[in-house]
PDB file of N, CA and C in Angstrom:
ATOM      1  N   MET A   1     113.047  85.072 111.200  1.00  0.00           N
ATOM      2  CA  MET A   1     114.520  85.342 111.605  1.00  0.00           C
ATOM      3  C   MET A   1     114.725  84.821 113.069  1.00  0.00           C
ATOM      4  N   ASN A   2     115.867  84.258 113.289  1.00  0.00           N
ATOM      5  CA  ASN A   2     116.063  83.986 114.685  1.00  0.00           C
ATOM      6  C   ASN A   2     116.876  85.148 115.299  1.00  0.00           C
ATOM      7  N   TRP A   3     116.499  85.603 116.664  1.00  0.00           N
ATOM      8  CA  TRP A   3     117.141  86.707 117.233  1.00  0.00           C
ATOM      9  C   TRP A   3     118.447  86.738 117.496  1.00  0.00           C
ATOM     10  N   LYS A   4     118.889  85.513 117.608  1.00  0.00           N
ATOM     11  CA  LYS A   4     120.430  85.349 117.818  1.00  0.00           C
ATOM     12  C   LYS A   4     121.188  85.500 116.567  1.00  0.00           C
ATOM     13  N   ASN A   5     120.639  85.200 115.490  1.00  0.00           N
ATOM     14  CA  ASN A   5     121.346  85.474 114.199  1.00  0.00           C
ATOM     15  C   ASN A   5     121.204  86.709 113.562  1.00  0.00           C
ATOM     16  N   MET A   6     120.374  87.637 114.112  1.00  0.00           N
ATOM     17  CA  MET A   6     120.141  88.951 113.497  1.00  0.00           C
ATOM     18  C   MET A   6     121.386  89.877 113.919  1.00  0.00           C
ATOM     19  N   THR A   7     121.661  90.740 112.969  1.00  0.00           N
ATOM     20  CA  THR A   7     122.515  91.766 113.291  1.00  0.00           C
ATOM     21  C   THR A   7     122.061  92.895 114.107  1.00  0.00           C
ATOM     22  N   ILE A   8     122.880  93.722 114.652  1.00  0.00           N
ATOM     23  CA  ILE A   8     122.323  94.790 115.597  1.00  0.00           C
ATOM     24  C   ILE A   8     121.431  95.694 114.987  1.00  0.00           C
ATOM     25  N   THR A   9     121.606  95.992 113.634  1.00  0.00           N
ATOM     26  CA  THR A   9     120.740  96.963 112.945  1.00  0.00           C
ATOM     27  C   THR A   9     119.356  96.280 112.707  1.00  0.00           C
ATOM     28  N   GLN A  10     119.285  94.949 112.512  1.00  0.00           N
ATOM     29  CA  GLN A  10     118.063  94.185 112.305  1.00  0.00           C
ATOM     30  C   GLN A  10     117.315  94.056 113.780  1.00  0.00           C
ATOM     31  N   LYS A  11     118.069  94.024 114.809  1.00  0.00           N
ATOM     32  CA  LYS A  11     117.464  93.997 116.145  1.00  0.00           C
ATOM     33  C   LYS A  11     116.742  95.212 116.521  1.00  0.00           C
ATOM     34  N   ILE A  12     117.556  96.380 116.235  1.00  0.00           N
ATOM     35  CA  ILE A  12     117.039  97.703 116.517  1.00  0.00           C
ATOM     36  C   ILE A  12     115.659  97.897 115.598  1.00  0.00           C
ATOM     37  N   ALA A  13     115.788  97.622 114.368  1.00  0.00           N
ATOM     38  CA  ALA A  13     114.535  97.788 113.531  1.00  0.00           C
ATOM     39  C   ALA A  13     113.363  97.033 113.919  1.00  0.00           C
ATOM     40  N   THR A  14     113.585  95.871 114.502  1.00  0.00           N
ATOM     41  CA  THR A  14     112.522  94.962 114.936  1.00  0.00           C
ATOM     42  C   THR A  14     111.883  95.544 116.336  1.00  0.00           C
ATOM     43  N   VAL A  15     112.731  96.223 117.082  1.00  0.00           N
ATOM     44  CA  VAL A  15     112.244  96.779 118.402  1.00  0.00           C
ATOM     45  C   VAL A  15     111.393  97.947 117.936  1.00  0.00           C
ATOM     46  N   ILE A  16     112.002  98.791 117.083  1.00  0.00           N
ATOM     47  CA  ILE A  16     111.322 100.039 116.639  1.00  0.00           C
ATOM     48  C   ILE A  16     109.992  99.622 116.073  1.00  0.00           C
ATOM     49  N   SER A  17     109.947  98.582 115.216  1.00  0.00           N
ATOM     50  CA  SER A  17     108.839  98.093 114.672  1.00  0.00           C
ATOM     51  C   SER A  17     107.771  97.655 115.524  1.00  0.00           C
ATOM     52  N   GLY A  18     108.201  96.993 116.575  1.00  0.00           N
ATOM     53  CA  GLY A  18     107.174  96.586 117.753  1.00  0.00           C
ATOM     54  C   GLY A  18     106.709  97.761 118.423  1.00  0.00           C
ATOM     55  N   LEU A  19     107.397  98.936 118.651  1.00  0.00           N
ATOM     56  CA  LEU A  19     106.998 100.116 119.356  1.00  0.00           C
ATOM     57  C   LEU A  19     106.067 100.774 118.470  1.00  0.00           C
ATOM     58  N   ALA A  20     106.104 100.712 117.220  1.00  0.00           N
ATOM     59  CA  ALA A  20     105.199 101.375 116.320  1.00  0.00           C
ATOM     60  C   ALA A  20     103.838 100.716 116.343  1.00  0.00           C
ATOM     61  N   VAL A  21     103.923  99.298 116.472  1.00  0.00           N
ATOM     62  CA  VAL A  21     102.744  98.631 116.536  1.00  0.00           C
ATOM     63  C   VAL A  21     101.916  98.884 117.801  1.00  0.00           C
ATOM     64  N   ALA A  22     102.856  98.950 118.973  1.00  0.00           N
ATOM     65  CA  ALA A  22     102.308  99.388 120.455  1.00  0.00           C
ATOM     66  C   ALA A  22     101.651 100.808 120.271  1.00  0.00           C
ATOM     67  N   VAL A  23     102.146 101.799 119.567  1.00  0.00           N
ATOM     68  CA  VAL A  23     101.584 102.957 119.467  1.00  0.00           C
ATOM     69  C   VAL A  23     100.192 102.982 118.706  1.00  0.00           C
ATOM     70  N   TRP A  24     100.108 102.158 117.612  1.00  0.00           N
ATOM     71  CA  TRP A  24      99.113 101.932 116.967  1.00  0.00           C
ATOM     72  C   TRP A  24      97.941 101.268 117.796  1.00  0.00           C
ATOM     73  N   LEU A  25      98.318 100.349 118.623  1.00  0.00           N
ATOM     74  CA  LEU A  25      97.359  99.762 119.467  1.00  0.00           C
ATOM     75  C   LEU A  25      96.665 100.566 120.607  1.00  0.00           C
ATOM     76  N   ILE A  26      97.358 101.593 120.951  1.00  0.00           N
ATOM     77  CA  ILE A  26      96.854 102.351 122.082  1.00  0.00           C
ATOM     78  C   ILE A  26      95.554 103.066 121.863  1.00  0.00           C
ATOM     79  N   PRO A  27      95.220 103.698 120.681  1.00  0.00           N
ATOM     80  CA  PRO A  27      93.856 104.226 120.424  1.00  0.00           C
ATOM     81  C   PRO A  27      92.884 103.073 120.249  1.00  0.00           C
ATOM     82  N   ARG A  28      93.204 101.842 120.076  1.00  0.00           N
ATOM     83  CA  ARG A  28      92.262 100.798 120.050  1.00  0.00           C
ATOM     84  C   ARG A  28      91.786 100.539 121.293  1.00  0.00           C
ATOM     85  N   VAL A  29      92.659 100.592 122.349  1.00  0.00           N
ATOM     86  CA  VAL A  29      92.247 100.372 123.706  1.00  0.00           C
ATOM     87  C   VAL A  29      91.564 101.514 124.333  1.00  0.00           C
ATOM     88  N   LYS A  30      92.255 102.644 124.224  1.00  0.00           N
ATOM     89  CA  LYS A  30      91.537 103.848 124.726  1.00  0.00           C
ATOM     90  C   LYS A  30      91.449 104.989 123.613  1.00  0.00           C
ATOM     91  N   PRO A  31      90.356 105.136 122.969  1.00  0.00           N
ATOM     92  CA  PRO A  31      90.133 105.982 121.905  1.00  0.00           C
ATOM     93  C   PRO A  31      90.412 107.357 122.092  1.00  0.00           C
ATOM     94  N   ASP A  32      90.160 107.858 123.240  1.00  0.00           N
ATOM     95  CA  ASP A  32      90.189 109.226 123.435  1.00  0.00           C
ATOM     96  C   ASP A  32      91.655 109.807 123.842  1.00  0.00           C
ATOM     97  N   LEU A  33      92.672 108.939 123.831  1.00  0.00           N
ATOM     98  CA  LEU A  33      93.954 109.271 124.203  1.00  0.00           C
ATOM     99  C   LEU A  33      94.836 110.076 123.290  1.00  0.00           C
ATOM    100  N   LEU A  34      94.691 109.803 121.947  1.00  0.00           N
ATOM    101  CA  LEU A  34      95.469 110.477 120.942  1.00  0.00           C
ATOM    102  C   LEU A  34      94.585 111.157 120.042  1.00  0.00           C
ATOM    103  N   PRO A  35      94.852 112.460 119.704  1.00  0.00           N
ATOM    104  CA  PRO A  35      94.002 113.349 118.856  1.00  0.00           C
ATOM    105  C   PRO A  35      94.051 112.927 117.390  1.00  0.00           C
ATOM    106  N   ILE A  36      95.120 112.203 116.996  1.00  0.00           N
ATOM    107  CA  ILE A  36      95.115 111.692 115.558  1.00  0.00           C
ATOM    108  C   ILE A  36      95.057 110.265 115.522  1.00  0.00           C
ATOM    109  N   ASP A  37      94.872 109.819 114.316  1.00  0.00           N
ATOM    110  CA  ASP A  37      94.776 108.277 113.933  1.00  0.00           C
ATOM    111  C   ASP A  37      96.306 107.854 113.645  1.00  0.00           C
ATOM    112  N   PRO A  38      97.026 107.104 114.448  1.00  0.00           N
ATOM    113  CA  PRO A  38      98.316 106.680 114.159  1.00  0.00           C
ATOM    114  C   PRO A  38      98.576 105.475 113.195  1.00  0.00           C
ATOM    115  N   THR A  39      97.692 105.288 112.504  1.00  0.00           N
ATOM    116  CA  THR A  39      97.601 104.151 111.480  1.00  0.00           C
ATOM    117  C   THR A  39      98.649 104.326 110.478  1.00  0.00           C
ATOM    118  N   TYR A  40      98.566 105.353 109.790  1.00  0.00           N
ATOM    119  CA  TYR A  40      99.512 105.627 108.469  1.00  0.00           C
ATOM    120  C   TYR A  40     100.951 105.706 109.066  1.00  0.00           C
ATOM    121  N   PRO A  41     101.221 106.621 110.135  1.00  0.00           N
ATOM    122  CA  PRO A  41     102.453 106.501 110.537  1.00  0.00           C
ATOM    123  C   PRO A  41     103.151 105.201 111.142  1.00  0.00           C
ATOM    124  N   ALA A  42     102.220 104.449 111.731  1.00  0.00           N
ATOM    125  CA  ALA A  42     102.700 103.197 112.286  1.00  0.00           C
ATOM    126  C   ALA A  42     102.959 102.269 110.959  1.00  0.00           C
ATOM    127  N   ILE A  43     102.273 102.220 109.913  1.00  0.00           N
ATOM    128  CA  ILE A  43     102.440 101.424 108.819  1.00  0.00           C
ATOM    129  C   ILE A  43     103.775 102.031 108.167  1.00  0.00           C
ATOM    130  N   ALA A  44     104.021 103.236 108.039  1.00  0.00           N
ATOM    131  CA  ALA A  44     105.258 103.748 107.497  1.00  0.00           C
ATOM    132  C   ALA A  44     106.429 103.314 108.213  1.00  0.00           C
ATOM    133  N   VAL A  45     106.448 103.411 109.573  1.00  0.00           N
ATOM    134  CA  VAL A  45     107.596 102.954 110.393  1.00  0.00           C
ATOM    135  C   VAL A  45     107.901 101.422 110.283  1.00  0.00           C
ATOM    136  N   VAL A  46     106.773 100.743 110.372  1.00  0.00           N
ATOM    137  CA  VAL A  46     106.999  99.252 110.149  1.00  0.00           C
ATOM    138  C   VAL A  46     107.334  98.864 108.849  1.00  0.00           C
ATOM    139  N   THR A  47     107.051  99.467 107.820  1.00  0.00           N
ATOM    140  CA  THR A  47     107.516  99.169 106.448  1.00  0.00           C
ATOM    141  C   THR A  47     108.912  99.758 106.248  1.00  0.00           C
ATOM    142  N   LEU A  48     109.442 100.793 106.882  1.00  0.00           N
ATOM    143  CA  LEU A  48     110.747 101.201 106.859  1.00  0.00           C
ATOM    144  C   LEU A  48     111.663 100.258 107.575  1.00  0.00           C
ATOM    145  N   CYS A  49     111.134  99.796 108.667  1.00  0.00           N
ATOM    146  CA  CYS A  49     111.928  98.946 109.384  1.00  0.00           C
ATOM    147  C   CYS A  49     112.183  97.572 108.715  1.00  0.00           C
ATOM    148  N   GLU A  50     111.119  97.157 107.927  1.00  0.00           N
ATOM    149  CA  GLU A  50     111.276  95.860 107.278  1.00  0.00           C
ATOM    150  C   GLU A  50     112.219  96.146 106.119  1.00  0.00           C
ATOM    151  N   ALA A  51     112.196  97.233 105.574  1.00  0.00           N
ATOM    152  CA  ALA A  51     113.302  97.701 104.455  1.00  0.00           C
ATOM    153  C   ALA A  51     114.724  97.508 104.927  1.00  0.00           C
ATOM    154  N   VAL A  52     114.867  98.040 106.252  1.00  0.00           N
ATOM    155  CA  VAL A  52     116.239  97.951 106.897  1.00  0.00           C
ATOM    156  C   VAL A  52     116.655  96.469 107.100  1.00  0.00           C
ATOM    157  N   VAL A  53     115.622  95.629 107.417  1.00  0.00           N
ATOM    158  CA  VAL A  53     115.949  94.236 107.687  1.00  0.00           C
ATOM    159  C   VAL A  53     116.360  93.540 106.463  1.00  0.00           C
ATOM    160  N   TYR A  54     115.641  93.803 105.315  1.00  0.00           N
ATOM    161  CA  TYR A  54     115.815  93.216 103.995  1.00  0.00           C
ATOM    162  C   TYR A  54     117.078  93.885 103.234  1.00  0.00           C
ATOM    163  N   TRP A  55     117.546  94.854 103.618  1.00  0.00           N
ATOM    164  CA  TRP A  55     118.528  95.626 102.794  1.00  0.00           C
ATOM    165  C   TRP A  55     119.756  94.738 102.371  1.00  0.00           C
ATOM    166  N   ASN A  56     120.203  93.923 103.206  1.00  0.00           N
ATOM    167  CA  ASN A  56     121.492  93.165 102.684  1.00  0.00           C
ATOM    168  C   ASN A  56     121.116  91.960 101.787  1.00  0.00           C
ATOM    169  N   THR A  57     119.982  91.358 101.983  1.00  0.00           N
ATOM    170  CA  THR A  57     119.675  90.193 101.324  1.00  0.00           C
ATOM    171  C   THR A  57     118.842  90.434 100.052  1.00  0.00           C
ATOM    172  N   GLN A  58     117.897  91.419 100.099  1.00  0.00           N
ATOM    173  CA  GLN A  58     116.980  91.459  98.993  1.00  0.00           C
ATOM    174  C   GLN A  58     116.931  93.088  98.599  1.00  0.00           C
ATOM    175  N   ARG A  59     117.723  93.550  97.967  1.00  0.00           N
ATOM    176  CA  ARG A  59     117.896  95.021  97.709  1.00  0.00           C
ATOM    177  C   ARG A  59     116.703  95.672  97.011  1.00  0.00           C
ATOM    178  N   LYS A  60     116.201  94.936  95.929  1.00  0.00           N
ATOM    179  CA  LYS A  60     115.101  95.359  95.126  1.00  0.00           C
ATOM    180  C   LYS A  60     113.654  95.411  96.021  1.00  0.00           C
ATOM    181  N   TRP A  61     113.597  94.370  96.848  1.00  0.00           N
ATOM    182  CA  TRP A  61     112.403  94.357  97.741  1.00  0.00           C
ATOM    183  C   TRP A  61     112.451  95.437  98.751  1.00  0.00           C
ATOM    184  N   SER A  62     113.576  95.798  99.150  1.00  0.00           N
ATOM    185  CA  SER A  62     113.886  96.845 100.127  1.00  0.00           C
ATOM    186  C   SER A  62     113.544  98.256  99.512  1.00  0.00           C
ATOM    187  N   TYR A  63     113.864  98.449  98.256  1.00  0.00           N
ATOM    188  CA  TYR A  63     113.487  99.725  97.549  1.00  0.00           C
ATOM    189  C   TYR A  63     112.043  99.805  97.461  1.00  0.00           C
ATOM    190  N   LEU A  64     111.397  98.652  97.240  1.00  0.00           N
ATOM    191  CA  LEU A  64     109.903  98.648  97.108  1.00  0.00           C
ATOM    192  C   LEU A  64     109.265  99.137  98.466  1.00  0.00           C
ATOM    193  N   LEU A  65     109.854  98.572  99.494  1.00  0.00           N
ATOM    194  CA  LEU A  65     109.384  98.746 100.959  1.00  0.00           C
ATOM    195  C   LEU A  65     109.629 100.316 101.212  1.00  0.00           C
ATOM    196  N   ILE A  66     110.739 100.799 100.902  1.00  0.00           N
ATOM    197  CA  ILE A  66     110.983 102.363 101.085  1.00  0.00           C
ATOM    198  C   ILE A  66     109.940 103.095 100.383  1.00  0.00           C
ATOM    199  N   ALA A  67     109.687 102.775  99.076  1.00  0.00           N
ATOM    200  CA  ALA A  67     108.608 103.530  98.392  1.00  0.00           C
ATOM    201  C   ALA A  67     107.225 103.500  99.065  1.00  0.00           C
ATOM    202  N   GLY A  68     106.898 102.195  99.615  1.00  0.00           N
ATOM    203  CA  GLY A  68     105.661 102.088 100.321  1.00  0.00           C
ATOM    204  C   GLY A  68     105.729 102.925 101.577  1.00  0.00           C
ATOM    205  N   ALA A  69     106.700 102.985 102.301  1.00  0.00           N
ATOM    206  CA  ALA A  69     106.834 103.809 103.525  1.00  0.00           C
ATOM    207  C   ALA A  69     106.724 105.331 103.173  1.00  0.00           C
ATOM    208  N   VAL A  70     107.441 105.825 102.021  1.00  0.00           N
ATOM    209  CA  VAL A  70     107.200 107.134 101.587  1.00  0.00           C
ATOM    210  C   VAL A  70     105.621 107.551 101.313  1.00  0.00           C
ATOM    211  N   ILE A  71     105.123 106.622 100.653  1.00  0.00           N
ATOM    212  CA  ILE A  71     103.628 106.775 100.214  1.00  0.00           C
ATOM    213  C   ILE A  71     102.829 106.737 101.508  1.00  0.00           C
ATOM    214  N   SER A  72     102.942 105.882 102.498  1.00  0.00           N
ATOM    215  CA  SER A  72     102.265 105.859 103.654  1.00  0.00           C
ATOM    216  C   SER A  72     102.441 107.255 104.511  1.00  0.00           C
ATOM    217  N   LEU A  73     103.781 107.486 104.490  1.00  0.00           N
ATOM    218  CA  LEU A  73     104.060 108.857 105.298  1.00  0.00           C
ATOM    219  C   LEU A  73     103.413 110.127 104.567  1.00  0.00           C
ATOM    220  N   ALA A  74     103.305 110.032 103.157  1.00  0.00           N
ATOM    221  CA  ALA A  74     102.560 111.164 102.453  1.00  0.00           C
ATOM    222  C   ALA A  74     101.199 111.182 102.808  1.00  0.00           C
ATOM    223  N   PHE A  75     100.531 109.994 102.972  1.00  0.00           N
ATOM    224  CA  PHE A  75      99.050 109.812 103.332  1.00  0.00           C
ATOM    225  C   PHE A  75      98.941 110.325 104.763  1.00  0.00           C
ATOM    226  N   SER A  76      99.880 110.162 105.665  1.00  0.00           N
ATOM    227  CA  SER A  76      99.907 110.646 107.011  1.00  0.00           C
ATOM    228  C   SER A  76      99.790 112.106 107.067  1.00  0.00           C
ATOM    229  N   ILE A  77     100.722 112.688 106.243  1.00  0.00           N
ATOM    230  CA  ILE A  77     100.865 114.145 106.285  1.00  0.00           C
ATOM    231  C   ILE A  77      99.603 114.741 105.631  1.00  0.00           C
ATOM    232  N   LEU A  78      99.090 114.168 104.568  1.00  0.00           N
ATOM    233  CA  LEU A  78      97.837 114.621 104.049  1.00  0.00           C
ATOM    234  C   LEU A  78      96.709 114.629 104.993  1.00  0.00           C
ATOM    235  N   GLU A  79      96.576 113.574 105.787  1.00  0.00           N
ATOM    236  CA  GLU A  79      95.500 113.374 106.783  1.00  0.00           C
ATOM    237  C   GLU A  79      95.732 114.562 107.897  1.00  0.00           C
ATOM    238  N   LEU A  80      96.921 114.847 108.098  1.00  0.00           N
ATOM    239  CA  LEU A  80      97.039 115.868 109.297  1.00  0.00           C
ATOM    240  C   LEU A  80      96.720 117.249 108.782  1.00  0.00           C
ATOM    241  N   THR A  81      96.806 117.445 107.402  1.00  0.00           N
ATOM    242  CA  THR A  81      96.625 118.803 106.880  1.00  0.00           C
ATOM    243  C   THR A  81      95.185 119.091 106.579  1.00  0.00           C
ATOM    244  N   LEU A  82      94.526 118.014 106.446  1.00  0.00           N
ATOM    245  CA  LEU A  82      93.118 118.186 106.001  1.00  0.00           C
ATOM    246  C   LEU A  82      92.120 118.227 107.159  1.00  0.00           C
TER     247      LEU A  82
END
């Protein structure tokens, strides 16, 4: 997608997705900084942002991405409780 042709919602979702990737990269650079593994939450946020981007054009794909984000978030919560 071209940045100039994106809606404001798609731009916000893209920026939030980039921030999630940055949070995921922090423990790769400095492993002792965060006490948890942010892989599952980062995947959930990126997947949810992709669902927002595809919402107007491909609704079925968006529903599938939302389901994937919920599953990833469930694994994240499961990891925190164990």
